Protein backbone atom coordinates (compact mmCIF):
# COMPACT_ATOMS: atom_id res chain seq x y z
CA MET A 1 183.05 117.31 138.42
CA ARG A 2 182.03 120.17 140.70
CA SER A 3 181.34 117.70 143.54
CA CYS A 4 184.53 115.71 142.90
CA ILE A 5 187.02 118.59 142.93
CA PRO A 6 186.53 119.45 146.66
CA SER A 7 187.10 115.79 147.57
CA LEU A 8 190.15 115.52 145.32
CA GLY A 9 191.60 118.72 146.77
CA GLY A 10 190.87 117.59 150.33
CA ASP A 11 192.77 114.35 149.73
CA GLN A 12 195.96 116.36 149.12
CA PHE A 13 196.07 117.37 152.81
CA SER A 14 196.66 115.05 155.73
CA SER A 15 193.92 115.08 158.36
CA ASP A 16 196.39 114.17 161.12
CA ASP A 17 198.40 117.38 160.77
CA PRO A 18 196.63 120.45 162.26
CA GLU A 19 198.44 122.72 159.82
CA ASN A 20 197.22 120.66 156.88
CA SER A 21 193.69 120.76 158.27
CA GLN A 22 193.86 124.55 158.26
CA LEU A 23 195.22 124.51 154.71
CA LYS A 24 192.35 122.25 153.66
CA SER A 25 189.81 124.72 155.01
CA THR A 26 191.60 127.56 153.20
CA PHE A 27 191.61 125.54 149.99
CA LEU A 28 187.85 124.99 150.15
CA ILE A 29 187.22 128.70 150.77
CA TRP A 30 189.30 129.77 147.77
CA LEU A 31 187.76 127.02 145.64
CA LYS A 32 184.33 128.53 146.30
CA PHE A 33 185.77 131.95 145.49
CA ALA A 34 187.02 130.58 142.16
CA ASN A 35 183.60 129.05 141.43
CA SER A 36 181.91 132.38 142.10
CA LEU A 37 184.48 134.24 139.98
CA GLY A 38 183.87 131.85 137.09
CA ALA A 39 180.13 132.37 137.44
CA MET A 40 180.62 136.14 137.42
CA ILE A 41 182.66 135.97 134.21
CA GLY A 42 180.02 133.80 132.59
CA LEU A 43 177.17 136.07 133.65
CA ALA A 44 178.98 139.16 132.42
CA PHE A 45 180.55 138.04 129.14
CA LEU A 46 178.77 134.87 128.02
CA VAL A 47 175.33 136.45 128.44
CA TRP A 48 176.49 139.42 126.33
CA ILE A 49 177.86 137.06 123.66
CA GLU A 50 174.65 135.02 123.56
CA ASN A 51 172.48 138.14 123.32
CA ASN A 52 174.58 139.87 120.65
CA LEU A 53 176.44 137.15 118.71
CA GLY A 54 174.10 134.19 119.07
CA TRP A 55 173.49 131.23 121.34
CA ASN A 56 175.48 128.87 119.10
CA ILE A 57 178.67 130.86 119.66
CA GLY A 58 177.94 131.07 123.38
CA PHE A 59 177.50 127.31 123.68
CA MET A 60 180.67 126.71 121.65
CA ILE A 61 182.68 128.96 123.99
CA CYS A 62 181.22 127.15 127.02
CA ALA A 63 182.27 123.78 125.57
CA LEU A 64 185.80 125.03 124.86
CA ILE A 65 186.18 126.48 128.36
CA ALA A 66 184.96 123.22 129.93
CA LEU A 67 187.44 121.25 127.79
CA VAL A 68 190.33 123.52 128.80
CA GLY A 69 189.36 123.17 132.46
CA LEU A 70 189.28 119.38 132.16
CA LEU A 71 192.71 119.31 130.51
CA VAL A 72 194.19 121.57 133.19
CA ALA A 73 192.79 119.33 135.94
CA ALA A 74 194.06 116.19 134.18
CA SER A 75 197.55 117.67 133.77
CA GLY A 76 198.09 117.36 137.51
CA MET A 77 197.45 113.62 137.62
CA PRO A 78 201.15 112.71 138.11
CA PHE A 79 201.34 115.00 141.16
CA TYR A 80 198.01 114.25 142.92
CA ARG A 81 197.83 112.19 146.07
CA LEU A 82 195.21 109.62 145.13
CA GLN A 83 193.36 107.70 147.80
CA LYS A 84 192.56 104.08 147.04
CA PRO A 85 188.77 103.54 146.94
CA THR A 86 187.50 101.39 149.78
CA GLY A 87 183.94 100.97 148.56
CA SER A 88 180.86 103.07 149.00
CA PRO A 89 179.94 103.85 152.64
CA LEU A 90 176.27 103.76 151.61
CA THR A 91 176.69 100.13 150.55
CA ARG A 92 178.14 99.19 153.95
CA ILE A 93 175.34 101.02 155.75
CA TRP A 94 172.77 99.20 153.63
CA GLU A 95 174.47 95.87 154.45
CA VAL A 96 174.20 96.59 158.19
CA LEU A 97 170.49 97.38 157.88
CA VAL A 98 169.78 94.27 155.81
CA MET A 99 171.75 92.04 158.20
CA SER A 100 169.93 93.54 161.18
CA LEU A 101 166.55 92.79 159.59
CA ARG A 102 167.64 89.25 158.77
CA LYS A 103 168.86 88.66 162.30
CA ARG A 104 165.64 90.00 163.79
CA GLN A 105 163.57 87.78 161.51
CA ALA A 106 165.76 84.79 162.33
CA ILE A 107 165.28 85.36 166.06
CA VAL A 108 161.49 85.57 165.56
CA ASP A 109 161.55 82.33 163.59
CA ASP A 110 163.70 80.67 166.27
CA ILE A 111 161.19 81.58 168.93
CA GLU A 112 158.38 80.16 166.85
CA LEU A 113 160.19 77.00 165.70
CA HIS A 114 162.43 76.53 168.80
CA GLU A 115 165.55 76.48 166.65
CA THR A 116 168.30 77.92 168.76
CA ASN A 117 171.12 77.69 166.22
CA ARG A 118 169.54 79.50 163.31
CA ALA A 119 170.23 83.02 164.58
CA ASP A 120 173.92 82.18 164.92
CA ARG A 121 174.13 81.39 161.23
CA VAL A 122 173.11 84.93 160.22
CA PRO A 123 176.24 86.84 159.11
CA LYS A 124 177.23 89.64 161.45
CA PRO A 125 178.47 93.01 160.19
CA GLY A 126 181.86 94.29 161.32
CA ALA A 127 182.24 96.72 164.19
CA THR A 128 183.35 99.47 161.80
CA GLN A 129 180.24 99.06 159.68
CA VAL A 130 178.01 99.23 162.76
CA ASP A 131 179.76 102.37 164.01
CA GLU A 132 179.37 104.01 160.59
CA THR A 133 175.67 103.20 160.52
CA LYS A 134 175.13 104.53 164.05
CA GLY A 135 176.99 107.73 163.19
CA ILE A 136 174.95 108.37 160.05
CA THR A 137 171.70 107.54 161.88
CA ARG A 138 172.50 110.18 164.50
CA MET A 139 173.09 112.73 161.74
CA LEU A 140 169.85 112.06 159.84
CA PRO A 141 167.72 114.58 161.84
CA ILE A 142 170.33 117.27 161.07
CA PHE A 143 170.15 116.42 157.36
CA ILE A 144 166.35 116.60 157.32
CA SER A 145 166.40 119.88 159.27
CA CYS A 146 168.86 121.37 156.76
CA LEU A 147 166.55 120.28 153.96
CA LEU A 148 163.76 122.36 155.52
CA ILE A 149 166.14 125.31 155.97
CA TYR A 150 167.21 125.19 152.31
CA LEU A 151 163.68 125.27 150.86
CA PRO A 152 162.93 128.97 151.59
CA PHE A 153 166.43 129.89 150.39
CA MET A 154 165.81 128.34 146.97
CA LEU A 155 162.45 130.09 146.61
CA LEU A 156 163.73 133.46 147.84
CA MET A 157 166.73 133.44 145.49
CA THR A 158 164.67 132.41 142.45
CA LEU A 159 161.73 134.76 143.06
CA THR A 160 163.95 137.73 143.96
CA ILE A 161 165.70 137.39 140.60
CA GLN A 162 162.32 137.11 138.84
CA VAL A 163 161.01 140.19 140.64
CA GLY A 164 164.18 142.08 139.69
CA SER A 165 163.35 141.56 136.01
CA THR A 166 160.24 143.76 136.49
CA MET A 167 162.19 146.64 138.08
CA ASP A 168 164.46 149.39 136.74
CA ARG A 169 167.70 147.55 135.91
CA ARG A 170 169.67 150.56 134.67
CA VAL A 171 173.06 151.40 136.16
CA GLY A 172 173.86 154.76 134.60
CA THR A 173 173.69 154.18 130.86
CA ILE A 174 174.02 150.38 131.19
CA LYS A 175 170.98 148.14 131.48
CA ILE A 176 171.58 144.84 133.27
CA PRO A 177 170.16 141.89 131.26
CA SER A 178 167.59 139.79 133.09
CA ALA A 179 169.80 136.70 132.76
CA SER A 180 172.64 138.54 134.53
CA LEU A 181 170.68 139.52 137.64
CA ILE A 182 172.02 136.47 139.49
CA ALA A 183 175.42 138.17 139.24
CA ILE A 184 174.42 140.36 142.19
CA PRO A 185 174.17 137.52 144.77
CA THR A 186 177.12 135.79 143.09
CA ALA A 187 179.26 138.90 143.62
CA PHE A 188 178.27 139.01 147.30
CA HIS A 189 179.05 135.30 147.62
CA MET A 190 182.46 135.82 146.00
CA LEU A 191 183.34 138.65 148.39
CA MET A 192 182.10 136.80 151.47
CA GLN A 193 184.64 133.97 151.05
CA PRO A 194 187.84 136.02 151.56
CA CYS A 195 186.11 138.17 154.18
CA TYR A 196 185.30 135.05 156.19
CA SER A 197 188.82 133.62 155.92
CA ARG A 198 190.79 136.86 156.37
CA ILE A 199 188.63 138.92 158.75
CA LEU A 200 186.00 136.84 160.52
CA THR A 201 188.13 133.71 160.99
CA PRO A 202 190.95 135.32 163.06
CA LEU A 203 188.37 137.17 165.16
CA LEU A 204 186.37 134.04 165.92
CA ARG A 205 189.48 131.96 166.55
CA THR A 206 190.56 134.30 169.34
CA THR A 207 187.09 134.59 170.89
CA THR A 208 185.85 130.97 170.66
CA GLY A 209 189.02 128.89 170.55
CA HIS A 210 187.25 126.32 168.37
CA GLU A 211 189.02 124.47 165.58
CA PHE A 212 186.48 125.72 163.03
CA ARG A 213 186.38 129.19 164.70
CA ILE A 214 182.62 128.70 164.95
CA THR A 215 181.18 125.21 165.11
CA PRO A 216 179.56 123.90 161.90
CA LEU A 217 176.22 123.49 163.66
CA LYS A 218 176.29 127.13 164.78
CA ARG A 219 177.21 128.22 161.24
CA ILE A 220 174.14 126.46 159.89
CA GLY A 221 171.97 128.12 162.53
CA ALA A 222 173.45 131.56 161.83
CA GLY A 223 172.73 131.06 158.13
CA SER A 224 169.13 130.21 158.91
CA VAL A 225 168.80 133.41 160.97
CA CYS A 226 170.03 135.39 157.95
CA GLY A 227 167.52 133.51 155.78
CA THR A 228 164.68 134.55 158.10
CA ALA A 229 165.86 138.16 158.01
CA ALA A 230 166.14 138.02 154.20
CA ALA A 231 162.54 136.83 153.91
CA CYS A 232 161.35 139.67 156.17
CA VAL A 233 163.28 142.25 154.13
CA ALA A 234 161.91 140.73 150.91
CA THR A 235 158.38 141.15 152.28
CA LEU A 236 158.91 144.86 152.98
CA VAL A 237 160.54 145.48 149.59
CA GLU A 238 157.75 143.64 147.78
CA VAL A 239 155.10 145.71 149.59
CA LYS A 240 156.92 148.83 148.38
CA ARG A 241 157.21 147.48 144.81
CA LEU A 242 153.51 146.57 144.58
CA THR A 243 152.57 150.00 145.94
CA VAL A 244 154.70 151.75 143.30
CA ALA A 245 153.22 149.53 140.57
CA GLU A 246 149.67 150.38 141.68
CA GLN A 247 150.41 154.11 141.89
CA HIS A 248 151.70 154.14 138.30
CA GLY A 249 148.87 151.97 136.95
CA LEU A 250 151.18 149.05 136.10
CA THR A 251 149.20 146.31 137.78
CA LEU A 252 148.21 144.77 134.44
CA ALA A 253 151.47 145.55 132.65
CA GLY A 254 153.70 143.12 134.53
CA THR A 255 156.93 145.05 133.86
CA GLY A 256 158.40 148.54 133.95
CA VAL A 257 158.03 149.33 137.65
CA PRO A 258 159.97 152.61 138.23
CA MET A 259 161.87 151.28 141.22
CA SER A 260 165.61 150.62 141.22
CA ILE A 261 166.80 147.04 141.36
CA PHE A 262 169.22 148.07 144.10
CA TRP A 263 166.29 147.84 146.53
CA LEU A 264 167.03 144.09 146.40
CA VAL A 265 170.65 144.43 147.52
CA ILE A 266 169.97 143.86 151.25
CA GLN A 267 168.09 140.60 150.76
CA PHE A 268 170.68 139.44 148.22
CA PHE A 269 173.39 140.20 150.79
CA LEU A 270 171.59 138.25 153.54
CA LEU A 271 170.98 135.30 151.21
CA SER A 272 174.67 135.29 150.31
CA ILE A 273 175.60 135.09 153.98
CA MET A 274 173.17 132.21 154.37
CA ASP A 275 174.75 130.48 151.38
CA VAL A 276 178.26 130.80 152.81
CA ALA A 277 177.24 129.88 156.36
CA SER A 278 174.63 127.12 156.03
CA PHE A 279 175.79 125.34 152.90
CA SER A 280 179.48 125.39 153.85
CA GLY A 281 178.61 124.64 157.46
CA LEU A 282 176.84 121.43 156.50
CA ILE A 283 179.87 120.25 154.50
CA GLU A 284 182.17 120.96 157.46
CA PHE A 285 179.72 119.21 159.79
CA ILE A 286 179.74 116.06 157.66
CA LYS A 287 183.52 116.12 157.31
CA SER A 288 184.06 116.55 161.05
CA GLU A 289 181.40 114.18 162.41
CA SER A 290 181.00 111.43 159.81
CA PRO A 291 183.08 108.23 159.58
CA PRO A 292 186.28 108.48 157.51
CA ALA A 293 184.73 106.70 154.53
CA MET A 294 181.87 109.23 154.47
CA LYS A 295 184.03 112.38 154.45
CA PRO A 296 184.86 112.42 150.69
CA ILE A 297 181.19 112.47 149.71
CA ALA A 298 180.29 115.41 151.99
CA PRO A 299 179.88 117.86 149.05
CA ALA A 300 177.73 115.32 147.24
CA VAL A 301 175.46 114.91 150.30
CA GLN A 302 175.08 118.69 150.57
CA SER A 303 174.31 118.95 146.83
CA PHE A 304 171.77 116.13 147.17
CA LEU A 305 169.93 117.91 150.00
CA ALA A 306 169.96 121.19 148.07
CA GLY A 307 168.61 119.38 144.98
CA VAL A 308 165.79 117.77 146.96
CA ALA A 309 164.93 121.18 148.43
CA ALA A 310 164.84 122.69 144.92
CA TRP A 311 162.51 119.95 143.69
CA SER A 312 160.30 120.39 146.76
CA CYS A 313 159.83 124.06 145.88
CA CYS A 314 157.50 123.12 143.01
CA ALA A 315 155.23 121.11 145.29
CA PHE A 316 155.34 123.90 147.90
CA ILE A 317 154.22 126.53 145.36
CA GLN A 318 151.42 124.30 144.10
CA LEU A 319 150.26 123.68 147.66
CA VAL A 320 150.23 127.40 148.48
CA ASN A 321 148.36 128.27 145.28
CA ARG A 322 145.75 125.59 145.92
CA ALA A 323 145.26 126.77 149.52
CA THR A 324 144.94 130.47 148.59
CA ARG A 325 142.59 130.18 145.60
CA GLY A 326 139.59 129.69 147.81
CA ARG A 327 136.41 127.84 147.06
CA ASP A 328 135.28 130.31 144.38
CA GLY A 329 138.24 129.46 142.14
CA GLY A 330 139.95 132.84 142.58
CA ARG A 331 143.61 133.65 141.95
CA GLY A 332 146.26 132.08 144.11
CA TRP A 333 149.13 134.08 145.52
CA LEU A 334 151.50 132.98 142.74
CA ASP A 335 149.08 132.37 139.84
CA GLY A 336 150.13 133.75 136.48
CA THR A 337 153.34 135.30 135.17
CA ASN A 338 152.44 138.91 135.99
CA PHE A 339 154.30 139.60 139.23
CA ASN A 340 152.47 142.91 139.62
CA ARG A 341 149.25 140.97 140.23
CA THR A 342 150.65 138.25 142.49
CA ARG A 343 150.76 138.39 146.27
CA LEU A 344 154.48 137.80 146.66
CA ASP A 345 154.45 139.97 149.77
CA HIS A 346 152.21 137.41 151.50
CA PHE A 347 154.28 134.53 150.11
CA PHE A 348 157.56 136.04 151.34
CA LEU A 349 156.02 136.50 154.78
CA LEU A 350 154.99 132.84 154.70
CA LEU A 351 158.57 131.90 153.82
CA ALA A 352 159.83 133.95 156.79
CA ALA A 353 157.49 132.03 159.11
CA PHE A 354 158.51 128.72 157.50
CA GLU A 355 162.22 129.53 157.90
CA LEU A 356 161.66 130.51 161.54
CA VAL A 357 159.90 127.21 162.28
CA ALA A 358 162.65 125.34 160.43
CA LEU A 359 165.25 127.16 162.55
CA MET A 360 163.46 126.17 165.77
CA ASN A 361 163.27 122.57 164.60
CA TYR A 362 166.95 122.61 163.64
CA THR A 363 167.95 124.11 167.01
CA PHE A 364 166.15 121.30 168.84
CA TRP A 365 167.88 118.54 166.87
CA ALA A 366 171.29 120.26 166.94
CA ARG A 367 171.19 120.58 170.73
CA ARG A 368 170.03 116.99 171.06
CA TYR A 369 172.85 115.81 168.79
CA THR A 370 175.43 117.77 170.81
CA ARG A 371 174.16 116.41 174.13
CA LYS A 372 174.20 112.86 172.77
CA LEU A 373 177.81 113.24 171.62
CA GLN A 374 178.75 114.58 175.04
CA ARG A 375 177.15 111.57 176.74
CA ILE A 376 178.96 109.18 174.38
CA SER A 377 182.30 110.93 175.02
CA THR A 378 181.74 110.82 178.79
CA PHE A 379 180.85 107.12 178.64
CA LEU A 380 183.94 106.26 176.58
CA LEU A 381 186.17 108.29 178.93
CA GLU A 382 184.78 106.51 182.00
CA ASP A 383 185.15 103.14 180.25
CA ASP A 384 188.82 103.86 179.50
CA ASN A 385 189.45 104.88 183.09
């Protein structure tokens, strides 16, 4: 449902009207704000209910809230502008690839058997299908580059929250539960949405003159820069945390480091900027550059890439542990559950280097994609003339 709502909301605005296009962008920004606000409410109240009243009551409240949300969404069915489904674009792309392979094989067989009519009997895909396939093929390097950019983000966000559970989580007389630590980046993410639409957007519109204020490809790159900076800040904070743990003899304890959790605010803030810039930038890139049939599934494509990056994190951690244990079977950087004995400072530095290399790779493919589009536009313009 979370991937379907952006597409359903986007269908309510006409893409031909510039004013509606602006309204669509505003809708997506406030939708993300609503998602973050819902997450904040859940992290603040549902976690308290589950810790104090029981998990069964917490799950029951979650089910009731989900049911109410579904009924509210369904109540607007008579008023929604519903687009008729035209089939999956992935199916049409697959058909083009299969037909191309069949045609190539038929031509090879014709050369061998001297049958000149066999290739003509192979069904040919339509021009629209071919254009869709070419467009998606040009975008594949961008997708793979974004996958590499997302991997350090997933690890940084997860490990920063885990490290925060070992630090002083008190805010005055209130102690933040470990399960609610993700509320900190969620709050930043929630505040970044209106700041981008109300403050940064008018500024960039006047300075760049671009429809999206800043191109989607540049947004992704800016997010990756923030991810690199977040990894560097995380390295410095982790060095400080390990030093404090060693000074207080807490290396074997694993918890209770007398260091405020607000040391993590800067890296949480940078990761939130990366979330808003790179993740949203990829969705806008797909919506602006993909064929019309591909636009509705842009959020699903972004979620798919983020999911693959999250799954790849497990293999990445195993690879790093295996490489850092050494031949004598020593401890890897991330072995064990005691974060006071791990070498997260080294791992965060590795993530910074990985994100930097991923940014350089992304920059290469983004520039190549832009130059290729410019050549295609120039060719079409000359052909029309």
